[in-house]
Amino acid sequence: MKEKKEVLNKKKIKEFLTINFGVFLMAIAYGIFIDPNNLVIGGVGGLATVIREALANVTIFGMHITSSFLILTLNIILLIFAVIFIGKSFFLKTLYASLIYPVYIFILELCIKALGDKFINLAQIAKQLQIQNQLDDTTVKVMVSGAYLVFVIFGAVISGIGLGLALKKGASTGGVDILQQIFLKYFKIPFSVSLFIIDGSIVLIAFLYFQDLFIILYGISFILISGFVLDSIVFSGFNSRAVHIITKDPEKIKEKIFEILDRGVTEIYAHSGYEGREFKMIVCIMSNKEFYKIKSTILEIDNKAFIYVTRASEVHGEGFSYDYIPE
């Protein structure tokens, strides 16, 4: 019994360290590659970048407002919303990662400040080029676009790895996830739609504030690259997944898949070779992100549910290769 408990503790410690490493990698991507160069990628971090720039001349107790402070503030507000509108279980699940993420970013901000001129800041370099050579904004943006793209690629890869590690261990980074849960619960808006609305709105705000089309292009590039890397980390491939669920309560799980993901399911009537009983297995095709959104819900309904996931190398049908057209 002691040996089993020790193994369990080691497993939890490993999960804790992996989540921390994943969140730290996300902080590196944001704090070193994205935020200092005013690149907006959506989410709470993207909103913090825009607000920081808007409040660049504002000081509190003689100190400038930092992105880490804004992310912490926004996450605390969203965590309060989570308690009020979603419930304590989701609040506890998102609490740690939501608070440790801005702490890591704050540490990186201190390191960047200590490095001073040794730290490569593309935004500052662009301003210096413009002043020294009396160039217009468009010319400078074209000149440094290649360097920005390198930062976007490296930031996206590191962020994708970090988020992939955290998601794989069941952690939620809060932020936009909380708003998505609220939209789902009260407005029945699926995660995919709410994410597009939220991130799209933040990138649009950034475009209107910075008056820079490159903001949108870099943001889209970041999302695509980080999504590919995230999928590679979580599933070792960029394909849809066939999720098979064997549970004692298939009806409840089926309803939750309809409600949260707006996905159809297939019911397969099977026979247990070991127990000799008949049971119903649910099969659903979904993306990796959808799977990790629904996984915790499945286990909340039935913590002994048997789930296995296979790669669907090609999927053709409603919701994947074409939209639903009413008859």
C-alpha atoms as a PDB file:
ATOM      1  CA  MET A   1       0.000   0.000   0.000  1.00  0.00           C
ATOM      2  CA  LYS A   2       2.882   2.351   0.891  1.00  0.00           C
ATOM      3  CA  GLU A   3       4.611   1.536  -2.385  1.00  0.00           C
ATOM      4  CA  LYS A   4       1.444   2.392  -4.340  1.00  0.00           C
ATOM      5  CA  LYS A   5       1.121   5.694  -2.453  1.00  0.00           C
ATOM      6  CA  GLU A   6       4.781   6.543  -3.140  1.00  0.00           C
ATOM      7  CA  VAL A   7       4.334   5.881  -6.874  1.00  0.00           C
ATOM      8  CA  LEU A   8       1.249   8.096  -6.844  1.00  0.00           C
ATOM      9  CA  ASN A   9       3.225  10.889  -5.168  1.00  0.00           C
ATOM     10  CA  LYS A  10       6.047  10.576  -7.685  1.00  0.00           C
ATOM     11  CA  LYS A  11       3.513  10.763 -10.499  1.00  0.00           C
ATOM     12  CA  LYS A  12       1.935  13.910  -9.058  1.00  0.00           C
ATOM     13  CA  ILE A  13       5.357  15.516  -8.553  1.00  0.00           C
ATOM     14  CA  LYS A  14       6.294  14.718 -12.145  1.00  0.00           C
ATOM     15  CA  GLU A  15       3.000  16.196 -13.384  1.00  0.00           C
ATOM     16  CA  PHE A  16       3.525  19.308 -11.257  1.00  0.00           C
ATOM     17  CA  LEU A  17       7.058  19.821 -12.595  1.00  0.00           C
ATOM     18  CA  THR A  18       5.928  19.232 -16.184  1.00  0.00           C
ATOM     19  CA  ILE A  19       3.096  21.768 -15.844  1.00  0.00           C
ATOM     20  CA  ASN A  20       5.518  24.315 -14.383  1.00  0.00           C
ATOM     21  CA  PHE A  21       8.022  23.723 -17.168  1.00  0.00           C
ATOM     22  CA  GLY A  22       5.282  24.058 -19.771  1.00  0.00           C
ATOM     23  CA  VAL A  23       3.964  27.313 -18.267  1.00  0.00           C
ATOM     24  CA  PHE A  24       7.542  28.635 -17.996  1.00  0.00           C
ATOM     25  CA  LEU A  25       8.127  27.933 -21.701  1.00  0.00           C
ATOM     26  CA  MET A  26       4.921  29.838 -22.499  1.00  0.00           C
ATOM     27  CA  ALA A  27       6.219  32.726 -20.379  1.00  0.00           C
ATOM     28  CA  ILE A  28       9.541  32.673 -22.271  1.00  0.00           C
ATOM     29  CA  ALA A  29       7.724  32.822 -25.610  1.00  0.00           C
ATOM     30  CA  TYR A  30       5.602  35.755 -24.456  1.00  0.00           C
ATOM     31  CA  GLY A  31       8.120  37.616 -22.288  1.00  0.00           C
ATOM     32  CA  ILE A  32      11.124  37.414 -24.641  1.00  0.00           C
ATOM     33  CA  PHE A  33       9.819  37.057 -28.201  1.00  0.00           C
ATOM     34  CA  ILE A  34       6.272  38.455 -28.261  1.00  0.00           C
ATOM     35  CA  ASP A  35       5.537  41.187 -25.721  1.00  0.00           C
ATOM     36  CA  PRO A  36       8.753  43.300 -25.921  1.00  0.00           C
ATOM     37  CA  ASN A  37       8.231  43.584 -29.686  1.00  0.00           C
ATOM     38  CA  ASN A  38       4.552  44.578 -29.421  1.00  0.00           C
ATOM     39  CA  LEU A  39       3.367  41.447 -31.229  1.00  0.00           C
ATOM     40  CA  VAL A  40      -0.266  40.657 -30.405  1.00  0.00           C
ATOM     41  CA  ILE A  41      -1.342  37.000 -30.524  1.00  0.00           C
ATOM     42  CA  GLY A  42      -4.753  37.167 -28.871  1.00  0.00           C
ATOM     43  CA  GLY A  43      -5.651  35.977 -25.394  1.00  0.00           C
ATOM     44  CA  VAL A  44      -4.983  37.783 -22.117  1.00  0.00           C
ATOM     45  CA  GLY A  45      -1.330  38.301 -23.095  1.00  0.00           C
ATOM     46  CA  GLY A  46      -2.282  40.074 -26.309  1.00  0.00           C
ATOM     47  CA  LEU A  47      -4.720  42.349 -24.470  1.00  0.00           C
ATOM     48  CA  ALA A  48      -2.040  43.107 -21.858  1.00  0.00           C
ATOM     49  CA  THR A  49       0.397  44.171 -24.600  1.00  0.00           C
ATOM     50  CA  VAL A  50      -2.104  46.655 -26.042  1.00  0.00           C
ATOM     51  CA  ILE A  51      -3.016  48.086 -22.609  1.00  0.00           C
ATOM     52  CA  ARG A  52       0.676  48.385 -21.628  1.00  0.00           C
ATOM     53  CA  GLU A  53       1.397  50.418 -24.748  1.00  0.00           C
ATOM     54  CA  ALA A  54      -1.696  52.566 -24.212  1.00  0.00           C
ATOM     55  CA  LEU A  55      -0.591  53.281 -20.609  1.00  0.00           C
ATOM     56  CA  ALA A  56       3.118  53.687 -21.467  1.00  0.00           C
ATOM     57  CA  ASN A  57       3.245  57.174 -19.881  1.00  0.00           C
ATOM     58  CA  VAL A  58       1.307  56.186 -16.754  1.00  0.00           C
ATOM     59  CA  THR A  59       3.200  55.301 -13.570  1.00  0.00           C
ATOM     60  CA  ILE A  60       2.104  53.792 -10.256  1.00  0.00           C
ATOM     61  CA  PHE A  61       4.356  54.718  -7.316  1.00  0.00           C
ATOM     62  CA  GLY A  62       6.953  55.842  -9.837  1.00  0.00           C
ATOM     63  CA  MET A  63       6.921  52.558 -11.758  1.00  0.00           C
ATOM     64  CA  HIS A  64       5.627  51.897 -15.274  1.00  0.00           C
ATOM     65  CA  ILE A  65       2.797  49.407 -15.708  1.00  0.00           C
ATOM     66  CA  THR A  66       4.165  46.073 -16.944  1.00  0.00           C
ATOM     67  CA  SER A  67       2.537  43.288 -18.946  1.00  0.00           C
ATOM     68  CA  SER A  68       3.057  40.823 -16.088  1.00  0.00           C
ATOM     69  CA  PHE A  69       1.088  43.111 -13.744  1.00  0.00           C
ATOM     70  CA  LEU A  70      -1.713  43.479 -16.299  1.00  0.00           C
ATOM     71  CA  ILE A  71      -1.884  39.706 -16.966  1.00  0.00           C
ATOM     72  CA  LEU A  72      -2.027  39.038 -13.211  1.00  0.00           C
ATOM     73  CA  THR A  73      -4.787  41.637 -12.788  1.00  0.00           C
ATOM     74  CA  LEU A  74      -6.817  40.342 -15.727  1.00  0.00           C
ATOM     75  CA  ASN A  75      -6.406  36.714 -14.588  1.00  0.00           C
ATOM     76  CA  ILE A  76      -7.545  37.558 -11.049  1.00  0.00           C
ATOM     77  CA  ILE A  77     -10.651  39.305 -12.439  1.00  0.00           C
ATOM     78  CA  LEU A  78     -11.368  36.306 -14.678  1.00  0.00           C
ATOM     79  CA  LEU A  79     -10.830  33.891 -11.762  1.00  0.00           C
ATOM     80  CA  ILE A  80     -13.440  35.831  -9.768  1.00  0.00           C
ATOM     81  CA  PHE A  81     -15.792  35.466 -12.748  1.00  0.00           C
ATOM     82  CA  ALA A  82     -14.988  31.736 -12.762  1.00  0.00           C
ATOM     83  CA  VAL A  83     -16.079  31.366  -9.132  1.00  0.00           C
ATOM     84  CA  ILE A  84     -19.276  33.376  -9.664  1.00  0.00           C
ATOM     85  CA  PHE A  85     -20.403  32.075 -13.050  1.00  0.00           C
ATOM     86  CA  ILE A  86     -18.788  28.630 -13.477  1.00  0.00           C
ATOM     87  CA  GLY A  87     -18.059  27.102 -10.078  1.00  0.00           C
ATOM     88  CA  LYS A  88     -15.311  26.318  -7.592  1.00  0.00           C
ATOM     89  CA  SER A  89     -14.078  23.136  -9.316  1.00  0.00           C
ATOM     90  CA  PHE A  90     -13.074  24.989 -12.484  1.00  0.00           C
ATOM     91  CA  PHE A  91     -11.641  27.829 -10.356  1.00  0.00           C
ATOM     92  CA  LEU A  92      -9.342  25.447  -8.458  1.00  0.00           C
ATOM     93  CA  LYS A  93      -8.248  23.731 -11.672  1.00  0.00           C
ATOM     94  CA  THR A  94      -7.160  27.006 -13.250  1.00  0.00           C
ATOM     95  CA  LEU A  95      -5.922  28.866 -10.158  1.00  0.00           C
ATOM     96  CA  TYR A  96      -2.270  27.802 -10.049  1.00  0.00           C
ATOM     97  CA  ALA A  97      -1.355  28.160 -13.732  1.00  0.00           C
ATOM     98  CA  SER A  98      -3.250  31.468 -13.979  1.00  0.00           C
ATOM     99  CA  LEU A  99      -1.175  32.980 -11.157  1.00  0.00           C
ATOM    100  CA  ILE A 100       2.233  31.411 -11.807  1.00  0.00           C
ATOM    101  CA  TYR A 101       2.247  32.431 -15.493  1.00  0.00           C
ATOM    102  CA  PRO A 102       2.480  36.217 -14.814  1.00  0.00           C
ATOM    103  CA  VAL A 103       5.035  35.540 -12.046  1.00  0.00           C
ATOM    104  CA  TYR A 104       7.329  33.836 -14.567  1.00  0.00           C
ATOM    105  CA  ILE A 105       6.811  36.730 -16.992  1.00  0.00           C
ATOM    106  CA  PHE A 106       7.700  39.205 -14.214  1.00  0.00           C
ATOM    107  CA  ILE A 107      10.974  37.324 -13.565  1.00  0.00           C
ATOM    108  CA  LEU A 108      11.801  37.499 -17.281  1.00  0.00           C
ATOM    109  CA  GLU A 109      10.989  41.231 -17.337  1.00  0.00           C
ATOM    110  CA  LEU A 110      13.538  41.747 -14.543  1.00  0.00           C
ATOM    111  CA  CYS A 111      16.132  39.739 -16.481  1.00  0.00           C
ATOM    112  CA  ILE A 112      15.506  41.777 -19.652  1.00  0.00           C
ATOM    113  CA  LYS A 113      15.794  45.012 -17.666  1.00  0.00           C
ATOM    114  CA  ALA A 114      19.122  43.832 -16.209  1.00  0.00           C
ATOM    115  CA  LEU A 115      20.457  42.987 -19.688  1.00  0.00           C
ATOM    116  CA  GLY A 116      19.613  46.459 -20.991  1.00  0.00           C
ATOM    117  CA  ASP A 117      21.084  47.112 -24.446  1.00  0.00           C
ATOM    118  CA  LYS A 118      22.307  43.500 -24.684  1.00  0.00           C
ATOM    119  CA  PHE A 119      18.717  42.334 -25.155  1.00  0.00           C
ATOM    120  CA  ILE A 120      17.512  42.422 -28.770  1.00  0.00           C
ATOM    121  CA  ASN A 121      14.348  44.512 -28.933  1.00  0.00           C
ATOM    122  CA  LEU A 122      13.068  44.771 -32.494  1.00  0.00           C
ATOM    123  CA  ALA A 123      10.561  47.506 -31.643  1.00  0.00           C
ATOM    124  CA  GLN A 124      13.353  49.757 -30.357  1.00  0.00           C
ATOM    125  CA  ILE A 125      15.628  48.892 -33.287  1.00  0.00           C
ATOM    126  CA  ALA A 126      12.840  49.835 -35.722  1.00  0.00           C
ATOM    127  CA  LYS A 127      12.389  53.212 -33.986  1.00  0.00           C
ATOM    128  CA  GLN A 128      16.148  53.890 -34.112  1.00  0.00           C
ATOM    129  CA  LEU A 129      16.265  53.039 -37.828  1.00  0.00           C
ATOM    130  CA  GLN A 130      13.377  55.392 -38.495  1.00  0.00           C
ATOM    131  CA  ILE A 131      14.960  58.290 -36.574  1.00  0.00           C
ATOM    132  CA  GLN A 132      18.539  57.842 -37.842  1.00  0.00           C
ATOM    133  CA  ASN A 133      17.618  57.334 -41.496  1.00  0.00           C
ATOM    134  CA  GLN A 134      14.449  59.455 -41.553  1.00  0.00           C
ATOM    135  CA  LEU A 135      12.429  56.602 -42.995  1.00  0.00           C
ATOM    136  CA  ASP A 136       8.642  56.298 -43.065  1.00  0.00           C
ATOM    137  CA  ASP A 137       6.795  53.675 -40.997  1.00  0.00           C
ATOM    138  CA  THR A 138       6.035  51.338 -43.925  1.00  0.00           C
ATOM    139  CA  THR A 139       9.669  51.222 -45.098  1.00  0.00           C
ATOM    140  CA  VAL A 140      10.943  50.411 -41.605  1.00  0.00           C
ATOM    141  CA  LYS A 141       8.301  47.686 -41.133  1.00  0.00           C
ATOM    142  CA  VAL A 142       9.305  46.035 -44.414  1.00  0.00           C
ATOM    143  CA  MET A 143      13.009  46.249 -43.483  1.00  0.00           C
ATOM    144  CA  VAL A 144      12.550  44.487 -40.134  1.00  0.00           C
ATOM    145  CA  SER A 145       9.723  42.142 -41.196  1.00  0.00           C
ATOM    146  CA  GLY A 146      12.120  39.206 -41.631  1.00  0.00           C
ATOM    147  CA  ALA A 147      13.494  39.635 -38.104  1.00  0.00           C
ATOM    148  CA  TYR A 148       9.962  39.879 -36.702  1.00  0.00           C
ATOM    149  CA  LEU A 149       8.996  36.684 -38.518  1.00  0.00           C
ATOM    150  CA  VAL A 150      11.950  34.843 -36.923  1.00  0.00           C
ATOM    151  CA  PHE A 151      10.760  36.003 -33.493  1.00  0.00           C
ATOM    152  CA  VAL A 152       7.192  34.925 -34.302  1.00  0.00           C
ATOM    153  CA  ILE A 153       8.356  31.450 -35.400  1.00  0.00           C
ATOM    154  CA  PHE A 154      10.561  30.860 -32.353  1.00  0.00           C
ATOM    155  CA  GLY A 155       7.929  32.282 -30.003  1.00  0.00           C
ATOM    156  CA  ALA A 156       5.203  30.125 -31.551  1.00  0.00           C
ATOM    157  CA  VAL A 157       7.272  26.935 -31.371  1.00  0.00           C
ATOM    158  CA  ILE A 158       8.261  27.503 -27.729  1.00  0.00           C
ATOM    159  CA  SER A 159       4.716  28.510 -26.769  1.00  0.00           C
ATOM    160  CA  GLY A 160       3.236  25.477 -28.557  1.00  0.00           C
ATOM    161  CA  ILE A 161       5.612  23.121 -26.727  1.00  0.00           C
ATOM    162  CA  GLY A 162       4.824  24.739 -23.377  1.00  0.00           C
ATOM    163  CA  LEU A 163       1.063  24.715 -23.822  1.00  0.00           C
ATOM    164  CA  GLY A 164       1.210  21.158 -25.167  1.00  0.00           C
ATOM    165  CA  LEU A 165       3.073  19.950 -22.056  1.00  0.00           C
ATOM    166  CA  ALA A 166       0.636  21.734 -19.725  1.00  0.00           C
ATOM    167  CA  LEU A 167      -2.471  20.458 -21.535  1.00  0.00           C
ATOM    168  CA  LYS A 168      -1.094  16.932 -21.667  1.00  0.00           C
ATOM    169  CA  LYS A 169      -0.952  16.921 -17.869  1.00  0.00           C
ATOM    170  CA  GLY A 170      -4.497  18.267 -17.567  1.00  0.00           C
ATOM    171  CA  ALA A 171      -3.626  21.856 -16.594  1.00  0.00           C
ATOM    172  CA  SER A 172      -5.682  24.852 -17.665  1.00  0.00           C
ATOM    173  CA  THR A 173      -3.963  28.226 -18.044  1.00  0.00           C
ATOM    174  CA  GLY A 174      -7.168  30.142 -17.328  1.00  0.00           C
ATOM    175  CA  GLY A 175      -7.525  33.478 -19.117  1.00  0.00           C
ATOM    176  CA  VAL A 176      -9.554  33.019 -22.296  1.00  0.00           C
ATOM    177  CA  ASP A 177     -10.558  29.509 -21.164  1.00  0.00           C
ATOM    178  CA  ILE A 178     -12.682  31.112 -18.433  1.00  0.00           C
ATOM    179  CA  LEU A 179     -14.513  33.351 -20.910  1.00  0.00           C
ATOM    180  CA  GLN A 180     -15.070  30.349 -23.185  1.00  0.00           C
ATOM    181  CA  GLN A 181     -16.644  28.419 -20.304  1.00  0.00           C
ATOM    182  CA  ILE A 182     -18.935  31.363 -19.501  1.00  0.00           C
ATOM    183  CA  PHE A 183     -19.996  31.735 -23.151  1.00  0.00           C
ATOM    184  CA  LEU A 184     -20.739  28.023 -23.297  1.00  0.00           C
ATOM    185  CA  LYS A 185     -22.707  27.882 -20.048  1.00  0.00           C
ATOM    186  CA  TYR A 186     -24.882  30.958 -20.560  1.00  0.00           C
ATOM    187  CA  PHE A 187     -24.999  31.470 -24.328  1.00  0.00           C
ATOM    188  CA  LYS A 188     -24.394  27.880 -25.579  1.00  0.00           C
ATOM    189  CA  ILE A 189     -21.551  29.105 -27.825  1.00  0.00           C
ATOM    190  CA  PRO A 190     -19.083  26.261 -28.643  1.00  0.00           C
ATOM    191  CA  PHE A 191     -15.405  26.715 -27.731  1.00  0.00           C
ATOM    192  CA  SER A 192     -14.254  26.995 -31.351  1.00  0.00           C
ATOM    193  CA  VAL A 193     -16.646  29.901 -32.023  1.00  0.00           C
ATOM    194  CA  SER A 194     -15.985  31.741 -28.733  1.00  0.00           C
ATOM    195  CA  LEU A 195     -12.201  31.446 -29.207  1.00  0.00           C
ATOM    196  CA  PHE A 196     -12.516  32.992 -32.665  1.00  0.00           C
ATOM    197  CA  ILE A 197     -14.677  35.812 -31.256  1.00  0.00           C
ATOM    198  CA  ILE A 198     -12.375  36.583 -28.299  1.00  0.00           C
ATOM    199  CA  ASP A 199      -8.978  36.296 -30.010  1.00  0.00           C
ATOM    200  CA  GLY A 200     -10.312  37.948 -33.163  1.00  0.00           C
ATOM    201  CA  SER A 201     -11.586  40.903 -31.120  1.00  0.00           C
ATOM    202  CA  ILE A 202      -8.230  41.319 -29.336  1.00  0.00           C
ATOM    203  CA  VAL A 203      -6.235  41.228 -32.586  1.00  0.00           C
ATOM    204  CA  LEU A 204      -8.706  43.706 -34.128  1.00  0.00           C
ATOM    205  CA  ILE A 205      -8.270  46.060 -31.139  1.00  0.00           C
ATOM    206  CA  ALA A 206      -4.486  45.795 -31.583  1.00  0.00           C
ATOM    207  CA  PHE A 207      -4.806  46.583 -35.294  1.00  0.00           C
ATOM    208  CA  LEU A 208      -6.956  49.648 -34.589  1.00  0.00           C
ATOM    209  CA  TYR A 209      -4.572  50.879 -31.881  1.00  0.00           C
ATOM    210  CA  PHE A 210      -1.235  50.239 -33.620  1.00  0.00           C
ATOM    211  CA  GLN A 211      -2.629  50.932 -37.128  1.00  0.00           C
ATOM    212  CA  ASP A 212      -0.458  48.093 -38.391  1.00  0.00           C
ATOM    213  CA  LEU A 213      -1.605  45.356 -40.788  1.00  0.00           C
ATOM    214  CA  PHE A 214       1.507  43.350 -39.887  1.00  0.00           C
ATOM    215  CA  ILE A 215      -0.030  42.830 -36.424  1.00  0.00           C
ATOM    216  CA  ILE A 216      -2.792  40.670 -37.919  1.00  0.00           C
ATOM    217  CA  LEU A 217      -0.407  38.776 -40.217  1.00  0.00           C
ATOM    218  CA  TYR A 218       2.043  38.009 -37.399  1.00  0.00           C
ATOM    219  CA  GLY A 219      -0.839  37.020 -35.121  1.00  0.00           C
ATOM    220  CA  ILE A 220      -2.248  34.558 -37.660  1.00  0.00           C
ATOM    221  CA  SER A 221       1.244  33.124 -38.301  1.00  0.00           C
ATOM    222  CA  PHE A 222       1.787  32.640 -34.569  1.00  0.00           C
ATOM    223  CA  ILE A 223      -1.555  30.895 -34.053  1.00  0.00           C
ATOM    224  CA  LEU A 224      -1.009  28.507 -36.990  1.00  0.00           C
ATOM    225  CA  ILE A 225       2.570  27.577 -36.027  1.00  0.00           C
ATOM    226  CA  SER A 226       1.890  27.219 -32.294  1.00  0.00           C
ATOM    227  CA  GLY A 227      -1.228  25.148 -33.078  1.00  0.00           C
ATOM    228  CA  PHE A 228       0.811  22.774 -35.242  1.00  0.00           C
ATOM    229  CA  VAL A 229       3.471  22.384 -32.534  1.00  0.00           C
ATOM    230  CA  LEU A 230       0.821  21.973 -29.830  1.00  0.00           C
ATOM    231  CA  ASP A 231      -0.805  19.179 -31.816  1.00  0.00           C
ATOM    232  CA  SER A 232       2.573  17.517 -32.375  1.00  0.00           C
ATOM    233  CA  ILE A 233       3.344  17.558 -28.649  1.00  0.00           C
ATOM    234  CA  VAL A 234      -0.057  16.317 -27.503  1.00  0.00           C
ATOM    235  CA  PHE A 235      -0.743  13.792 -30.250  1.00  0.00           C
ATOM    236  CA  SER A 236       2.505  13.548 -32.256  1.00  0.00           C
ATOM    237  CA  GLY A 237       0.704  14.545 -35.428  1.00  0.00           C
ATOM    238  CA  PHE A 238      -1.536  17.168 -37.000  1.00  0.00           C
ATOM    239  CA  ASN A 239      -4.717  15.206 -37.681  1.00  0.00           C
ATOM    240  CA  SER A 240      -8.173  14.771 -36.248  1.00  0.00           C
ATOM    241  CA  ARG A 241      -8.662  12.093 -33.606  1.00  0.00           C
ATOM    242  CA  ALA A 242     -11.150   9.283 -33.220  1.00  0.00           C
ATOM    243  CA  VAL A 243     -12.045   9.181 -29.526  1.00  0.00           C
ATOM    244  CA  HIS A 244     -13.582   5.941 -28.217  1.00  0.00           C
ATOM    245  CA  ILE A 245     -15.359   6.124 -24.841  1.00  0.00           C
ATOM    246  CA  ILE A 246     -16.594   3.142 -22.843  1.00  0.00           C
ATOM    247  CA  THR A 247     -18.602   4.338 -19.843  1.00  0.00           C
ATOM    248  CA  LYS A 248     -21.390   3.383 -17.478  1.00  0.00           C
ATOM    249  CA  ASP A 249     -23.218   6.632 -18.328  1.00  0.00           C
ATOM    250  CA  PRO A 250     -23.041   7.074 -22.129  1.00  0.00           C
ATOM    251  CA  GLU A 251     -26.158   9.266 -22.343  1.00  0.00           C
ATOM    252  CA  LYS A 252     -24.772  12.020 -20.075  1.00  0.00           C
ATOM    253  CA  ILE A 253     -21.422  12.028 -21.867  1.00  0.00           C
ATOM    254  CA  LYS A 254     -23.138  12.113 -25.251  1.00  0.00           C
ATOM    255  CA  GLU A 255     -25.191  15.138 -24.164  1.00  0.00           C
ATOM    256  CA  LYS A 256     -22.049  16.935 -22.955  1.00  0.00           C
ATOM    257  CA  ILE A 257     -20.285  16.339 -26.282  1.00  0.00           C
ATOM    258  CA  PHE A 258     -23.310  17.820 -28.075  1.00  0.00           C
ATOM    259  CA  GLU A 259     -23.432  20.784 -25.677  1.00  0.00           C
ATOM    260  CA  ILE A 260     -19.729  21.648 -25.382  1.00  0.00           C
ATOM    261  CA  LEU A 261     -18.270  20.650 -28.755  1.00  0.00           C
ATOM    262  CA  ASP A 262     -21.356  20.657 -30.974  1.00  0.00           C
ATOM    263  CA  ARG A 263     -20.063  17.381 -32.441  1.00  0.00           C
ATOM    264  CA  GLY A 264     -22.010  14.330 -33.517  1.00  0.00           C
ATOM    265  CA  VAL A 265     -21.278  10.887 -32.059  1.00  0.00           C
ATOM    266  CA  THR A 266     -21.630   7.279 -33.159  1.00  0.00           C
ATOM    267  CA  GLU A 267     -22.952   4.629 -30.773  1.00  0.00           C
ATOM    268  CA  ILE A 268     -21.447   1.184 -31.177  1.00  0.00           C
ATOM    269  CA  TYR A 269     -23.037  -1.775 -29.392  1.00  0.00           C
ATOM    270  CA  ALA A 270     -20.245  -4.074 -28.240  1.00  0.00           C
ATOM    271  CA  HIS A 271     -19.712  -7.194 -26.149  1.00  0.00           C
ATOM    272  CA  SER A 272     -17.170  -7.472 -23.340  1.00  0.00           C
ATOM    273  CA  GLY A 273     -14.936 -10.501 -23.798  1.00  0.00           C
ATOM    274  CA  TYR A 274     -13.853 -10.419 -20.145  1.00  0.00           C
ATOM    275  CA  GLU A 275     -17.161  -9.745 -18.349  1.00  0.00           C
ATOM    276  CA  GLY A 276     -19.468 -11.182 -20.988  1.00  0.00           C
ATOM    277  CA  ARG A 277     -21.843  -8.198 -20.914  1.00  0.00           C
ATOM    278  CA  GLU A 278     -23.294  -5.931 -23.593  1.00  0.00           C
ATOM    279  CA  PHE A 279     -22.412  -2.234 -23.535  1.00  0.00           C
ATOM    280  CA  LYS A 280     -22.606   0.923 -25.638  1.00  0.00           C
ATOM    281  CA  MET A 281     -19.395   2.601 -26.834  1.00  0.00           C
ATOM    282  CA  ILE A 282     -19.355   6.231 -27.986  1.00  0.00           C
ATOM    283  CA  VAL A 283     -17.112   7.234 -30.887  1.00  0.00           C
ATOM    284  CA  CYS A 284     -16.522  10.882 -31.770  1.00  0.00           C
ATOM    285  CA  ILE A 285     -14.132  12.573 -34.205  1.00  0.00           C
ATOM    286  CA  MET A 286     -12.614  15.761 -32.790  1.00  0.00           C
ATOM    287  CA  SER A 287      -9.489  17.912 -32.749  1.00  0.00           C
ATOM    288  CA  ASN A 288      -6.839  17.588 -30.050  1.00  0.00           C
ATOM    289  CA  LYS A 289      -7.932  20.814 -28.352  1.00  0.00           C
ATOM    290  CA  GLU A 290     -11.556  19.660 -28.321  1.00  0.00           C
ATOM    291  CA  PHE A 291     -10.475  16.356 -26.761  1.00  0.00           C
ATOM    292  CA  TYR A 292      -8.672  18.062 -23.895  1.00  0.00           C
ATOM    293  CA  LYS A 293     -11.665  20.344 -23.357  1.00  0.00           C
ATOM    294  CA  ILE A 294     -14.042  17.386 -23.033  1.00  0.00           C
ATOM    295  CA  LYS A 295     -11.723  14.883 -21.311  1.00  0.00           C
ATOM    296  CA  SER A 296     -12.074  16.383 -17.824  1.00  0.00           C
ATOM    297  CA  THR A 297     -15.866  16.564 -18.237  1.00  0.00           C
ATOM    298  CA  ILE A 298     -15.998  12.864 -19.187  1.00  0.00           C
ATOM    299  CA  LEU A 299     -13.966  11.908 -16.117  1.00  0.00           C
ATOM    300  CA  GLU A 300     -16.144  14.098 -13.885  1.00  0.00           C
ATOM    301  CA  ILE A 301     -19.216  12.143 -15.042  1.00  0.00           C
ATOM    302  CA  ASP A 302     -17.471   8.771 -14.870  1.00  0.00           C
ATOM    303  CA  ASN A 303     -13.985   8.679 -13.332  1.00  0.00           C
ATOM    304  CA  LYS A 304     -13.637   5.031 -14.399  1.00  0.00           C
ATOM    305  CA  ALA A 305     -14.479   5.671 -18.049  1.00  0.00           C
ATOM    306  CA  PHE A 306     -12.206   3.850 -20.500  1.00  0.00           C
ATOM    307  CA  ILE A 307     -10.986   6.245 -23.212  1.00  0.00           C
ATOM    308  CA  TYR A 308      -8.662   5.524 -26.083  1.00  0.00           C
ATOM    309  CA  VAL A 309      -7.693   7.844 -28.924  1.00  0.00           C
ATOM    310  CA  THR A 310      -6.551   6.939 -32.431  1.00  0.00           C
ATOM    311  CA  ARG A 311      -5.326   9.129 -35.253  1.00  0.00           C
ATOM    312  CA  ALA A 312      -7.830   9.807 -38.024  1.00  0.00           C
ATOM    313  CA  SER A 313      -5.531  10.494 -40.961  1.00  0.00           C
ATOM    314  CA  GLU A 314      -8.379  11.740 -43.151  1.00  0.00           C
ATOM    315  CA  VAL A 315     -11.856  12.917 -42.202  1.00  0.00           C
ATOM    316  CA  HIS A 316     -14.589  13.817 -44.681  1.00  0.00           C
ATOM    317  CA  GLY A 317     -17.975  15.040 -43.553  1.00  0.00           C
ATOM    318  CA  GLU A 318     -19.968  17.725 -41.793  1.00  0.00           C
ATOM    319  CA  GLY A 319     -17.879  19.897 -39.497  1.00  0.00           C
ATOM    320  CA  PHE A 320     -14.601  18.791 -41.089  1.00  0.00           C
ATOM    321  CA  SER A 321     -14.673  19.004 -44.894  1.00  0.00           C
ATOM    322  CA  TYR A 322     -17.915  20.901 -45.407  1.00  0.00           C
ATOM    323  CA  ASP A 323     -20.516  22.863 -43.455  1.00  0.00           C
ATOM    324  CA  TYR A 324     -24.039  21.736 -42.695  1.00  0.00           C
ATOM    325  CA  ILE A 325     -26.524  22.788 -45.352  1.00  0.00           C
ATOM    326  CA  PRO A 326     -30.162  22.524 -44.243  1.00  0.00           C
ATOM    327  CA  GLU A 327     -32.468  20.680 -46.611  1.00  0.00           C
END
